Amino acid sequence: RAAAWLSSHVQTPLGLVYSPAARTARTAEIIAQHIPLSTQSSLDGIYDASVAQLLQTLEQAPGDTVLVGHNPGLESLLAFLCTGQSGSFRGMSPGSIAWLSLPGGELTPGLAKLQHFFSP
């Protein structure tokens, strides 16, 4: 369901970065079948990554990117980008999608806008 939702919202190719853990790798495989991709890579460090590590991963990614990872890291990253505080968002169940817009494309704490949220 998440991949179908994502495919209805994606018009231009995106990068895909994901954890090699079994569930996230499978999710990434399904996403790759449903949306156009410009790049695709598996990174070991995503599994237990801190907000700082996830930010670094996104900063190194070329252009707009889908990040498939794990909680609590993704929840903390979402909160940090949207509110500037890493502990203020909870509730991303497996398979959830948070679509952010970043003013000027910058990963600046507290400036991201949550455009869409999908939860299966």
PDB file of N, CA and C in Angstrom:
ATOM      1  N   ARG A   1       0.820  -1.205   0.000  1.00  0.00           N
ATOM      2  CA  ARG A   1       0.000   0.000   0.000  1.00  0.00           C
ATOM      3  C   ARG A   1       0.858   1.261   0.000  1.00  0.00           C
ATOM      4  N   ALA A   2       1.937   1.255   0.760  1.00  0.00           N
ATOM      5  CA  ALA A   2       2.784   2.442   0.842  1.00  0.00           C
ATOM      6  C   ALA A   2       3.419   2.750  -0.512  1.00  0.00           C
ATOM      7  N   ALA A   3       3.885   1.721  -1.207  1.00  0.00           N
ATOM      8  CA  ALA A   3       4.501   1.936  -2.516  1.00  0.00           C
ATOM      9  C   ALA A   3       3.485   2.474  -3.514  1.00  0.00           C
ATOM     10  N   ALA A   4       2.260   1.978  -3.467  1.00  0.00           N
ATOM     11  CA  ALA A   4       1.212   2.486  -4.357  1.00  0.00           C
ATOM     12  C   ALA A   4       0.918   3.948  -4.048  1.00  0.00           C
ATOM     13  N   TRP A   5       0.861   4.295  -2.763  1.00  0.00           N
ATOM     14  CA  TRP A   5       0.635   5.691  -2.380  1.00  0.00           C
ATOM     15  C   TRP A   5       1.777   6.551  -2.892  1.00  0.00           C
ATOM     16  N   LEU A   6       3.004   6.101  -2.695  1.00  0.00           N
ATOM     17  CA  LEU A   6       4.167   6.866  -3.122  1.00  0.00           C
ATOM     18  C   LEU A   6       4.168   7.048  -4.636  1.00  0.00           C
ATOM     19  N   SER A   7       3.838   6.001  -5.380  1.00  0.00           N
ATOM     20  CA  SER A   7       3.846   6.104  -6.840  1.00  0.00           C
ATOM     21  C   SER A   7       2.821   7.107  -7.352  1.00  0.00           C
ATOM     22  N   SER A   8       1.743   7.313  -6.607  1.00  0.00           N
ATOM     23  CA  SER A   8       0.742   8.295  -7.032  1.00  0.00           C
ATOM     24  C   SER A   8       1.187   9.730  -6.756  1.00  0.00           C
ATOM     25  N   HIS A   9       2.262   9.910  -5.997  1.00  0.00           N
ATOM     26  CA  HIS A   9       2.744  11.244  -5.644  1.00  0.00           C
ATOM     27  C   HIS A   9       4.087  11.611  -6.285  1.00  0.00           C
ATOM     28  N   VAL A  10       4.756  10.656  -6.907  1.00  0.00           N
ATOM     29  CA  VAL A  10       6.093  10.896  -7.462  1.00  0.00           C
ATOM     30  C   VAL A  10       6.013  11.033  -8.974  1.00  0.00           C
ATOM     31  N   GLN A  11       6.494  12.170  -9.478  1.00  0.00           N
ATOM     32  CA  GLN A  11       6.539  12.373 -10.927  1.00  0.00           C
ATOM     33  C   GLN A  11       7.968  12.373 -11.469  1.00  0.00           C
ATOM     34  N   THR A  12       8.938  12.762 -10.650  1.00  0.00           N
ATOM     35  CA  THR A  12      10.323  12.843 -11.109  1.00  0.00           C
ATOM     36  C   THR A  12      11.171  11.800 -10.380  1.00  0.00           C
ATOM     37  N   PRO A  13      12.251  11.355 -10.995  1.00  0.00           N
ATOM     38  CA  PRO A  13      13.094  10.342 -10.354  1.00  0.00           C
ATOM     39  C   PRO A  13      13.663  10.820  -9.014  1.00  0.00           C
ATOM     40  N   LEU A  14      13.707   9.905  -8.073  1.00  0.00           N
ATOM     41  CA  LEU A  14      14.239  10.171  -6.742  1.00  0.00           C
ATOM     42  C   LEU A  14      15.399   9.227  -6.461  1.00  0.00           C
ATOM     43  N   GLY A  15      16.240   9.632  -5.522  1.00  0.00           N
ATOM     44  CA  GLY A  15      17.248   8.718  -5.007  1.00  0.00           C
ATOM     45  C   GLY A  15      16.598   7.811  -3.978  1.00  0.00           C
ATOM     46  N   LEU A  16      17.148   6.642  -3.780  1.00  0.00           N
ATOM     47  CA  LEU A  16      16.647   5.695  -2.783  1.00  0.00           C
ATOM     48  C   LEU A  16      17.829   5.217  -1.955  1.00  0.00           C
ATOM     49  N   VAL A  17      17.762   5.465  -0.646  1.00  0.00           N
ATOM     50  CA  VAL A  17      18.788   5.011   0.289  1.00  0.00           C
ATOM     51  C   VAL A  17      18.081   4.176   1.344  1.00  0.00           C
ATOM     52  N   TYR A  18      18.601   2.996   1.637  1.00  0.00           N
ATOM     53  CA  TYR A  18      17.899   2.113   2.564  1.00  0.00           C
ATOM     54  C   TYR A  18      18.872   1.278   3.390  1.00  0.00           C
ATOM     55  N   SER A  19      18.369   0.819   4.518  1.00  0.00           N
ATOM     56  CA  SER A  19      19.104  -0.102   5.377  1.00  0.00           C
ATOM     57  C   SER A  19      19.071  -1.489   4.742  1.00  0.00           C
ATOM     58  N   PRO A  20      20.154  -2.258   4.864  1.00  0.00           N
ATOM     59  CA  PRO A  20      20.159  -3.600   4.291  1.00  0.00           C
ATOM     60  C   PRO A  20      19.425  -4.647   5.136  1.00  0.00           C
ATOM     61  N   ALA A  21      18.839  -4.242   6.255  1.00  0.00           N
ATOM     62  CA  ALA A  21      18.056  -5.185   7.063  1.00  0.00           C
ATOM     63  C   ALA A  21      16.939  -5.766   6.193  1.00  0.00           C
ATOM     64  N   ALA A  22      16.539  -6.988   6.473  1.00  0.00           N
ATOM     65  CA  ALA A  22      15.611  -7.718   5.595  1.00  0.00           C
ATOM     66  C   ALA A  22      14.339  -6.946   5.266  1.00  0.00           C
ATOM     67  N   ARG A  23      13.649  -6.404   6.267  1.00  0.00           N
ATOM     68  CA  ARG A  23      12.377  -5.712   6.000  1.00  0.00           C
ATOM     69  C   ARG A  23      12.571  -4.432   5.196  1.00  0.00           C
ATOM     70  N   THR A  24      13.591  -3.664   5.528  1.00  0.00           N
ATOM     71  CA  THR A  24      13.792  -2.412   4.791  1.00  0.00           C
ATOM     72  C   THR A  24      14.299  -2.682   3.378  1.00  0.00           C
ATOM     73  N   ALA A  25      15.123  -3.698   3.215  1.00  0.00           N
ATOM     74  CA  ALA A  25      15.588  -4.044   1.867  1.00  0.00           C
ATOM     75  C   ALA A  25      14.413  -4.495   1.005  1.00  0.00           C
ATOM     76  N   ARG A  26      13.500  -5.251   1.576  1.00  0.00           N
ATOM     77  CA  ARG A  26      12.304  -5.686   0.838  1.00  0.00           C
ATOM     78  C   ARG A  26      11.429  -4.488   0.500  1.00  0.00           C
ATOM     79  N   THR A  27      11.262  -3.569   1.460  1.00  0.00           N
ATOM     80  CA  THR A  27      10.489  -2.347   1.201  1.00  0.00           C
ATOM     81  C   THR A  27      11.123  -1.549   0.072  1.00  0.00           C
ATOM     82  N   ALA A  28      12.441  -1.410   0.099  1.00  0.00           N
ATOM     83  CA  ALA A  28      13.144  -0.672  -0.954  1.00  0.00           C
ATOM     84  C   ALA A  28      12.947  -1.340  -2.313  1.00  0.00           C
ATOM     85  N   GLU A  29      12.976  -2.655  -2.335  1.00  0.00           N
ATOM     86  CA  GLU A  29      12.755  -3.404  -3.580  1.00  0.00           C
ATOM     87  C   GLU A  29      11.360  -3.115  -4.143  1.00  0.00           C
ATOM     88  N   ILE A  30      10.366  -3.092  -3.276  1.00  0.00           N
ATOM     89  CA  ILE A  30       8.991  -2.805  -3.710  1.00  0.00           C
ATOM     90  C   ILE A  30       8.877  -1.370  -4.206  1.00  0.00           C
ATOM     91  N   ILE A  31       9.467  -0.431  -3.478  1.00  0.00           N
ATOM     92  CA  ILE A  31       9.446   0.975  -3.902  1.00  0.00           C
ATOM     93  C   ILE A  31      10.080   1.115  -5.279  1.00  0.00           C
ATOM     94  N   ALA A  32      11.211   0.442  -5.488  1.00  0.00           N
ATOM     95  CA  ALA A  32      11.925   0.529  -6.767  1.00  0.00           C
ATOM     96  C   ALA A  32      11.079   0.036  -7.937  1.00  0.00           C
ATOM     97  N   GLN A  33      10.114  -0.825  -7.666  1.00  0.00           N
ATOM     98  CA  GLN A  33       9.226  -1.319  -8.715  1.00  0.00           C
ATOM     99  C   GLN A  33       8.100  -0.335  -9.031  1.00  0.00           C
ATOM    100  N   HIS A  34       7.904   0.666  -8.167  1.00  0.00           N
ATOM    101  CA  HIS A  34       6.750   1.555  -8.312  1.00  0.00           C
ATOM    102  C   HIS A  34       7.066   3.011  -8.649  1.00  0.00           C
ATOM    103  N   ILE A  35       8.302   3.452  -8.432  1.00  0.00           N
ATOM    104  CA  ILE A  35       8.619   4.858  -8.719  1.00  0.00           C
ATOM    105  C   ILE A  35       9.898   4.951  -9.545  1.00  0.00           C
ATOM    106  N   PRO A  36      10.044   6.036 -10.309  1.00  0.00           N
ATOM    107  CA  PRO A  36      11.290   6.223 -11.052  1.00  0.00           C
ATOM    108  C   PRO A  36      12.421   6.594 -10.094  1.00  0.00           C
ATOM    109  N   LEU A  37      13.578   5.954 -10.270  1.00  0.00           N
ATOM    110  CA  LEU A  37      14.727   6.214  -9.404  1.00  0.00           C
ATOM    111  C   LEU A  37      15.903   6.748 -10.204  1.00  0.00           C
ATOM    112  N   SER A  38      16.618   7.689  -9.603  1.00  0.00           N
ATOM    113  CA  SER A  38      17.846   8.189 -10.215  1.00  0.00           C
ATOM    114  C   SER A  38      19.053   7.428  -9.677  1.00  0.00           C
ATOM    115  N   THR A  39      19.011   7.053  -8.402  1.00  0.00           N
ATOM    116  CA  THR A  39      20.075   6.271  -7.768  1.00  0.00           C
ATOM    117  C   THR A  39      19.449   5.350  -6.726  1.00  0.00           C
ATOM    118  N   GLN A  40      20.215   4.351  -6.338  1.00  0.00           N
ATOM    119  CA  GLN A  40      19.741   3.404  -5.328  1.00  0.00           C
ATOM    120  C   GLN A  40      20.956   2.866  -4.582  1.00  0.00           C
ATOM    121  N   SER A  41      20.922   2.917  -3.230  1.00  0.00           N
ATOM    122  CA  SER A  41      22.047   2.369  -2.473  1.00  0.00           C
ATOM    123  C   SER A  41      21.612   1.875  -1.103  1.00  0.00           C
ATOM    124  N   SER A  42      22.287   0.826  -0.674  1.00  0.00           N
ATOM    125  CA  SER A  42      22.078   0.232   0.641  1.00  0.00           C
ATOM    126  C   SER A  42      23.235   0.670   1.534  1.00  0.00           C
ATOM    127  N   LEU A  43      22.916   1.173   2.734  1.00  0.00           N
ATOM    128  CA  LEU A  43      23.957   1.644   3.651  1.00  0.00           C
ATOM    129  C   LEU A  43      23.814   0.975   5.013  1.00  0.00           C
ATOM    130  N   ASP A  44      24.860   0.294   5.447  1.00  0.00           N
ATOM    131  CA  ASP A  44      24.839  -0.419   6.721  1.00  0.00           C
ATOM    132  C   ASP A  44      24.528   0.471   7.914  1.00  0.00           C
ATOM    133  N   GLY A  45      25.012   1.687   7.935  1.00  0.00           N
ATOM    134  CA  GLY A  45      24.895   2.548   9.100  1.00  0.00           C
ATOM    135  C   GLY A  45      23.509   3.060   9.420  1.00  0.00           C
ATOM    136  N   ILE A  46      22.524   2.797   8.595  1.00  0.00           N
ATOM    137  CA  ILE A  46      21.180   3.333   8.823  1.00  0.00           C
ATOM    138  C   ILE A  46      20.460   2.619   9.964  1.00  0.00           C
ATOM    139  N   TYR A  47      20.787   1.364  10.218  1.00  0.00           N
ATOM    140  CA  TYR A  47      20.008   0.566  11.172  1.00  0.00           C
ATOM    141  C   TYR A  47      19.879   1.218  12.549  1.00  0.00           C
ATOM    142  N   ASP A  48      20.961   1.565  13.184  1.00  0.00           N
ATOM    143  CA  ASP A  48      20.935   2.190  14.511  1.00  0.00           C
ATOM    144  C   ASP A  48      21.393   3.641  14.449  1.00  0.00           C
ATOM    145  N   ALA A  49      21.176   4.297  13.352  1.00  0.00           N
ATOM    146  CA  ALA A  49      21.722   5.637  13.134  1.00  0.00           C
ATOM    147  C   ALA A  49      21.094   6.690  14.037  1.00  0.00           C
ATOM    148  N   SER A  50      21.926   7.626  14.440  1.00  0.00           N
ATOM    149  CA  SER A  50      21.463   8.804  15.177  1.00  0.00           C
ATOM    150  C   SER A  50      20.918   9.819  14.175  1.00  0.00           C
ATOM    151  N   VAL A  51      20.305  10.869  14.690  1.00  0.00           N
ATOM    152  CA  VAL A  51      19.828  11.944  13.819  1.00  0.00           C
ATOM    153  C   VAL A  51      20.993  12.522  13.028  1.00  0.00           C
ATOM    154  N   ALA A  52      22.124  12.750  13.679  1.00  0.00           N
ATOM    155  CA  ALA A  52      23.292  13.317  12.991  1.00  0.00           C
ATOM    156  C   ALA A  52      23.754  12.411  11.853  1.00  0.00           C
ATOM    157  N   GLN A  53      23.758  11.109  12.078  1.00  0.00           N
ATOM    158  CA  GLN A  53      24.177  10.171  11.031  1.00  0.00           C
ATOM    159  C   GLN A  53      23.183  10.141   9.872  1.00  0.00           C
ATOM    160  N   LEU A  54      21.890  10.199  10.182  1.00  0.00           N
ATOM    161  CA  LEU A  54      20.880  10.220   9.119  1.00  0.00           C
ATOM    162  C   LEU A  54      20.956  11.516   8.322  1.00  0.00           C
ATOM    163  N   LEU A  55      21.207  12.630   9.004  1.00  0.00           N
ATOM    164  CA  LEU A  55      21.382  13.905   8.300  1.00  0.00           C
ATOM    165  C   LEU A  55      22.571  13.828   7.350  1.00  0.00           C
ATOM    166  N   GLN A  56      23.662  13.253   7.816  1.00  0.00           N
ATOM    167  CA  GLN A  56      24.847  13.114   6.972  1.00  0.00           C
ATOM    168  C   GLN A  56      24.540  12.239   5.749  1.00  0.00           C
ATOM    169  N   THR A  57      23.784  11.175   5.958  1.00  0.00           N
ATOM    170  CA  THR A  57      23.383  10.299   4.852  1.00  0.00           C
ATOM    171  C   THR A  57      22.593  11.083   3.814  1.00  0.00           C
ATOM    172  N   LEU A  58      21.630  11.891   4.272  1.00  0.00           N
ATOM    173  CA  LEU A  58      20.814  12.681   3.342  1.00  0.00           C
ATOM    174  C   LEU A  58      21.622  13.785   2.670  1.00  0.00           C
ATOM    175  N   GLU A  59      22.561  14.385   3.399  1.00  0.00           N
ATOM    176  CA  GLU A  59      23.397  15.432   2.802  1.00  0.00           C
ATOM    177  C   GLU A  59      24.255  14.874   1.673  1.00  0.00           C
ATOM    178  N   GLN A  60      24.652  13.623   1.783  1.00  0.00           N
ATOM    179  CA  GLN A  60      25.487  13.001   0.756  1.00  0.00           C
ATOM    180  C   GLN A  60      24.672  12.434  -0.407  1.00  0.00           C
ATOM    181  N   ALA A  61      23.374  12.348  -0.232  1.00  0.00           N
ATOM    182  CA  ALA A  61      22.509  11.811  -1.285  1.00  0.00           C
ATOM    183  C   ALA A  61      22.300  12.867  -2.370  1.00  0.00           C
ATOM    184  N   PRO A  62      22.282  12.442  -3.624  1.00  0.00           N
ATOM    185  CA  PRO A  62      22.078  13.402  -4.710  1.00  0.00           C
ATOM    186  C   PRO A  62      20.601  13.754  -4.892  1.00  0.00           C
ATOM    187  N   GLY A  63      20.240  14.990  -4.627  1.00  0.00           N
ATOM    188  CA  GLY A  63      18.873  15.456  -4.881  1.00  0.00           C
ATOM    189  C   GLY A  63      17.841  14.892  -3.932  1.00  0.00           C
ATOM    190  N   ASP A  64      16.592  14.905  -4.384  1.00  0.00           N
ATOM    191  CA  ASP A  64      15.476  14.416  -3.576  1.00  0.00           C
ATOM    192  C   ASP A  64      15.623  12.907  -3.366  1.00  0.00           C
ATOM    193  N   THR A  65      15.411  12.482  -2.126  1.00  0.00           N
ATOM    194  CA  THR A  65      15.730  11.106  -1.755  1.00  0.00           C
ATOM    195  C   THR A  65      14.660  10.477  -0.879  1.00  0.00           C
ATOM    196  N   VAL A  66      14.380   9.209  -1.136  1.00  0.00           N
ATOM    197  CA  VAL A  66      13.554   8.387  -0.258  1.00  0.00           C
ATOM    198  C   VAL A  66      14.521   7.666   0.683  1.00  0.00           C
ATOM    199  N   LEU A  67      14.297   7.808   1.989  1.00  0.00           N
ATOM    200  CA  LEU A  67      15.122   7.137   2.991  1.00  0.00           C
ATOM    201  C   LEU A  67      14.278   6.058   3.656  1.00  0.00           C
ATOM    202  N   VAL A  68      14.687   4.809   3.527  1.00  0.00           N
ATOM    203  CA  VAL A  68      13.971   3.686   4.137  1.00  0.00           C
ATOM    204  C   VAL A  68      14.830   3.193   5.295  1.00  0.00           C
ATOM    205  N   GLY A  69      14.318   3.390   6.519  1.00  0.00           N
ATOM    206  CA  GLY A  69      15.122   3.051   7.688  1.00  0.00           C
ATOM    207  C   GLY A  69      14.289   2.549   8.837  1.00  0.00           C
ATOM    208  N   HIS A  70      14.727   2.885  10.040  1.00  0.00           N
ATOM    209  CA  HIS A  70      14.174   2.293  11.252  1.00  0.00           C
ATOM    210  C   HIS A  70      13.868   3.357  12.300  1.00  0.00           C
ATOM    211  N   ASN A  71      12.945   3.009  13.190  1.00  0.00           N
ATOM    212  CA  ASN A  71      12.694   3.833  14.374  1.00  0.00           C
ATOM    213  C   ASN A  71      13.558   3.322  15.515  1.00  0.00           C
ATOM    214  N   PRO A  72      13.930   4.184  16.429  1.00  0.00           N
ATOM    215  CA  PRO A  72      13.433   5.546  16.606  1.00  0.00           C
ATOM    216  C   PRO A  72      14.145   6.597  15.754  1.00  0.00           C
ATOM    217  N   GLY A  73      15.146   6.189  14.967  1.00  0.00           N
ATOM    218  CA  GLY A  73      15.922   7.149  14.190  1.00  0.00           C
ATOM    219  C   GLY A  73      15.107   7.993  13.232  1.00  0.00           C
ATOM    220  N   LEU A  74      14.201   7.363  12.466  1.00  0.00           N
ATOM    221  CA  LEU A  74      13.409   8.129  11.498  1.00  0.00           C
ATOM    222  C   LEU A  74      12.441   9.084  12.180  1.00  0.00           C
ATOM    223  N   GLU A  75      11.815   8.644  13.274  1.00  0.00           N
ATOM    224  CA  GLU A  75      10.921   9.547  14.017  1.00  0.00           C
ATOM    225  C   GLU A  75      11.700  10.744  14.548  1.00  0.00           C
ATOM    226  N   SER A  76      12.878  10.490  15.078  1.00  0.00           N
ATOM    227  CA  SER A  76      13.701  11.573  15.621  1.00  0.00           C
ATOM    228  C   SER A  76      14.155  12.524  14.517  1.00  0.00           C
ATOM    229  N   LEU A  77      14.518  11.979  13.360  1.00  0.00           N
ATOM    230  CA  LEU A  77      14.922  12.811  12.227  1.00  0.00           C
ATOM    231  C   LEU A  77      13.767  13.690  11.763  1.00  0.00           C
ATOM    232  N   LEU A  78      12.591  13.109  11.644  1.00  0.00           N
ATOM    233  CA  LEU A  78      11.407  13.860  11.231  1.00  0.00           C
ATOM    234  C   LEU A  78      11.133  15.003  12.200  1.00  0.00           C
ATOM    235  N   ALA A  79      11.161  14.707  13.488  1.00  0.00           N
ATOM    236  CA  ALA A  79      10.921  15.740  14.498  1.00  0.00           C
ATOM    237  C   ALA A  79      11.983  16.828  14.428  1.00  0.00           C
ATOM    238  N   PHE A  80      13.237  16.438  14.278  1.00  0.00           N
ATOM    239  CA  PHE A  80      14.337  17.401  14.228  1.00  0.00           C
ATOM    240  C   PHE A  80      14.197  18.342  13.037  1.00  0.00           C
ATOM    241  N   LEU A  81      13.884  17.787  11.878  1.00  0.00           N
ATOM    242  CA  LEU A  81      13.762  18.625  10.683  1.00  0.00           C
ATOM    243  C   LEU A  81      12.534  19.529  10.733  1.00  0.00           C
ATOM    244  N   CYS A  82      11.437  19.043  11.326  1.00  0.00           N
ATOM    245  CA  CYS A  82      10.194  19.828  11.348  1.00  0.00           C
ATOM    246  C   CYS A  82      10.092  20.777  12.540  1.00  0.00           C
ATOM    247  N   THR A  83      10.647  20.392  13.686  1.00  0.00           N
ATOM    248  CA  THR A  83      10.481  21.215  14.894  1.00  0.00           C
ATOM    249  C   THR A  83      11.786  21.716  15.474  1.00  0.00           C
ATOM    250  N   GLY A  84      12.896  21.127  15.071  1.00  0.00           N
ATOM    251  CA  GLY A  84      14.184  21.494  15.637  1.00  0.00           C
ATOM    252  C   GLY A  84      14.533  20.690  16.874  1.00  0.00           C
ATOM    253  N   GLN A  85      13.630  19.817  17.313  1.00  0.00           N
ATOM    254  CA  GLN A  85      13.879  18.976  18.488  1.00  0.00           C
ATOM    255  C   GLN A  85      13.670  17.518  18.100  1.00  0.00           C
ATOM    256  N   SER A  86      14.602  16.682  18.475  1.00  0.00           N
ATOM    257  CA  SER A  86      14.564  15.307  17.980  1.00  0.00           C
ATOM    258  C   SER A  86      13.629  14.372  18.728  1.00  0.00           C
ATOM    259  N   GLY A  87      13.012  14.802  19.806  1.00  0.00           N
ATOM    260  CA  GLY A  87      12.179  13.875  20.557  1.00  0.00           C
ATOM    261  C   GLY A  87      10.705  14.156  20.520  1.00  0.00           C
ATOM    262  N   SER A  88      10.254  15.057  19.650  1.00  0.00           N
ATOM    263  CA  SER A  88       8.870  15.514  19.741  1.00  0.00           C
ATOM    264  C   SER A  88       7.894  14.844  18.775  1.00  0.00           C
ATOM    265  N   PHE A  89       8.301  13.783  18.088  1.00  0.00           N
ATOM    266  CA  PHE A  89       7.376  13.096  17.186  1.00  0.00           C
ATOM    267  C   PHE A  89       7.440  11.604  17.437  1.00  0.00           C
ATOM    268  N   ARG A  90       6.305  11.016  17.631  1.00  0.00           N
ATOM    269  CA  ARG A  90       6.200   9.565  17.767  1.00  0.00           C
ATOM    270  C   ARG A  90       4.971   9.127  16.991  1.00  0.00           C
ATOM    271  N   GLY A  91       5.020   7.942  16.440  1.00  0.00           N
ATOM    272  CA  GLY A  91       3.841   7.445  15.773  1.00  0.00           C
ATOM    273  C   GLY A  91       4.047   6.960  14.357  1.00  0.00           C
ATOM    274  N   MET A  92       5.296   6.764  13.933  1.00  0.00           N
ATOM    275  CA  MET A  92       5.537   6.215  12.604  1.00  0.00           C
ATOM    276  C   MET A  92       5.550   4.694  12.705  1.00  0.00           C
ATOM    277  N   SER A  93       4.451   4.091  12.299  1.00  0.00           N
ATOM    278  CA  SER A  93       4.403   2.631  12.285  1.00  0.00           C
ATOM    279  C   SER A  93       5.186   2.122  11.075  1.00  0.00           C
ATOM    280  N   PRO A  94       5.578   0.851  11.071  1.00  0.00           N
ATOM    281  CA  PRO A  94       6.265   0.310   9.898  1.00  0.00           C
ATOM    282  C   PRO A  94       5.440   0.553   8.633  1.00  0.00           C
ATOM    283  N   GLY A  95       6.126   0.966   7.573  1.00  0.00           N
ATOM    284  CA  GLY A  95       5.449   1.239   6.313  1.00  0.00           C
ATOM    285  C   GLY A  95       4.939   2.657   6.168  1.00  0.00           C
ATOM    286  N   SER A  96       5.170   3.498   7.168  1.00  0.00           N
ATOM    287  CA  SER A  96       4.721   4.899   7.088  1.00  0.00           C
ATOM    288  C   SER A  96       5.613   5.695   6.144  1.00  0.00           C
ATOM    289  N   ILE A  97       5.034   6.736   5.584  1.00  0.00           N
ATOM    290  CA  ILE A  97       5.775   7.646   4.714  1.00  0.00           C
ATOM    291  C   ILE A  97       5.555   9.066   5.205  1.00  0.00           C
ATOM    292  N   ALA A  98       6.639   9.781   5.429  1.00  0.00           N
ATOM    293  CA  ALA A  98       6.576  11.211   5.744  1.00  0.00           C
ATOM    294  C   ALA A  98       7.238  11.941   4.583  1.00  0.00           C
ATOM    295  N   TRP A  99       6.493  12.835   3.949  1.00  0.00           N
ATOM    296  CA  TRP A  99       6.977  13.586   2.785  1.00  0.00           C
ATOM    297  C   TRP A  99       7.239  15.007   3.251  1.00  0.00           C
ATOM    298  N   LEU A 100       8.501  15.424   3.192  1.00  0.00           N
ATOM    299  CA  LEU A 100       8.885  16.751   3.666  1.00  0.00           C
ATOM    300  C   LEU A 100       9.276  17.651   2.514  1.00  0.00           C
ATOM    301  N   SER A 101       8.990  18.940   2.665  1.00  0.00           N
ATOM    302  CA  SER A 101       9.569  19.930   1.762  1.00  0.00           C
ATOM    303  C   SER A 101      10.602  20.697   2.574  1.00  0.00           C
ATOM    304  N   LEU A 102      11.731  20.945   1.949  1.00  0.00           N
ATOM    305  CA  LEU A 102      12.841  21.612   2.612  1.00  0.00           C
ATOM    306  C   LEU A 102      13.112  22.936   1.920  1.00  0.00           C
ATOM    307  N   PRO A 103      12.878  24.057   2.602  1.00  0.00           N
ATOM    308  CA  PRO A 103      13.125  25.362   1.990  1.00  0.00           C
ATOM    309  C   PRO A 103      14.564  25.463   1.485  1.00  0.00           C
ATOM    310  N   GLY A 104      14.710  25.754   0.218  1.00  0.00           N
ATOM    311  CA  GLY A 104      16.035  25.872  -0.379  1.00  0.00           C
ATOM    312  C   GLY A 104      16.784  24.556  -0.454  1.00  0.00           C
ATOM    313  N   GLY A 105      16.089  23.445  -0.182  1.00  0.00           N
ATOM    314  CA  GLY A 105      16.740  22.149  -0.221  1.00  0.00           C
ATOM    315  C   GLY A 105      17.688  21.902   0.939  1.00  0.00           C
ATOM    316  N   GLU A 106      17.653  22.766   1.945  1.00  0.00           N
ATOM    317  CA  GLU A 106      18.572  22.663   3.078  1.00  0.00           C
ATOM    318  C   GLU A 106      17.999  21.806   4.196  1.00  0.00           C
ATOM    319  N   LEU A 107      18.839  21.024   4.826  1.00  0.00           N
ATOM    320  CA  LEU A 107      18.450  20.191   5.965  1.00  0.00           C
ATOM    321  C   LEU A 107      18.641  20.986   7.256  1.00  0.00           C
ATOM    322  N   THR A 108      17.874  22.049   7.386  1.00  0.00           N
ATOM    323  CA  THR A 108      17.980  22.955   8.526  1.00  0.00           C
ATOM    324  C   THR A 108      16.968  22.568   9.597  1.00  0.00           C
ATOM    325  N   PRO A 109      17.415  22.378  10.846  1.00  0.00           N
ATOM    326  CA  PRO A 109      16.493  21.993  11.919  1.00  0.00           C
ATOM    327  C   PRO A 109      15.325  22.963  12.063  1.00  0.00           C
ATOM    328  N   GLY A 110      14.123  22.406  12.130  1.00  0.00           N
ATOM    329  CA  GLY A 110      12.928  23.196  12.384  1.00  0.00           C
ATOM    330  C   GLY A 110      12.302  23.869  11.186  1.00  0.00           C
ATOM    331  N   LEU A 111      12.904  23.781  10.010  1.00  0.00           N
ATOM    332  CA  LEU A 111      12.368  24.497   8.847  1.00  0.00           C
ATOM    333  C   LEU A 111      11.624  23.611   7.851  1.00  0.00           C
ATOM    334  N   ALA A 112      11.740  22.313   7.977  1.00  0.00           N
ATOM    335  CA  ALA A 112      11.041  21.414   7.050  1.00  0.00           C
ATOM    336  C   ALA A 112       9.539  21.479   7.298  1.00  0.00           C
ATOM    337  N   LYS A 113       8.788  21.284   6.241  1.00  0.00           N
ATOM    338  CA  LYS A 113       7.325  21.240   6.320  1.00  0.00           C
ATOM    339  C   LYS A 113       6.865  19.831   5.970  1.00  0.00           C
ATOM    340  N   LEU A 114       6.026  19.272   6.826  1.00  0.00           N
ATOM    341  CA  LEU A 114       5.447  17.961   6.552  1.00  0.00           C
ATOM    342  C   LEU A 114       4.320  18.157   5.545  1.00  0.00           C
ATOM    343  N   GLN A 115       4.538  17.707   4.312  1.00  0.00           N
ATOM    344  CA  GLN A 115       3.563  17.894   3.237  1.00  0.00           C
ATOM    345  C   GLN A 115       2.508  16.792   3.226  1.00  0.00           C
ATOM    346  N   HIS A 116       2.954  15.566   3.450  1.00  0.00           N
ATOM    347  CA  HIS A 116       2.054  14.411   3.437  1.00  0.00           C
ATOM    348  C   HIS A 116       2.533  13.414   4.476  1.00  0.00           C
ATOM    349  N   PHE A 117       1.592  12.699   5.051  1.00  0.00           N
ATOM    350  CA  PHE A 117       1.944  11.591   5.940  1.00  0.00           C
ATOM    351  C   PHE A 117       1.020  10.431   5.611  1.00  0.00           C
ATOM    352  N   PHE A 118       1.615   9.300   5.297  1.00  0.00           N
ATOM    353  CA  PHE A 118       0.852   8.094   4.991  1.00  0.00           C
ATOM    354  C   PHE A 118       1.194   7.044   6.038  1.00  0.00           C
ATOM    355  N   SER A 119       0.167   6.425   6.596  1.00  0.00           N
ATOM    356  CA  SER A 119       0.372   5.324   7.532  1.00  0.00           C
ATOM    357  C   SER A 119      -0.547   4.180   7.119  1.00  0.00           C
ATOM    358  N   PRO A 120       0.019   2.999   6.935  1.00  0.00           N
ATOM    359  CA  PRO A 120      -0.802   1.872   6.471  1.00  0.00           C
ATOM    360  C   PRO A 120      -1.833   1.423   7.498  1.00  0.00           C
TER     361      PRO A 120
END
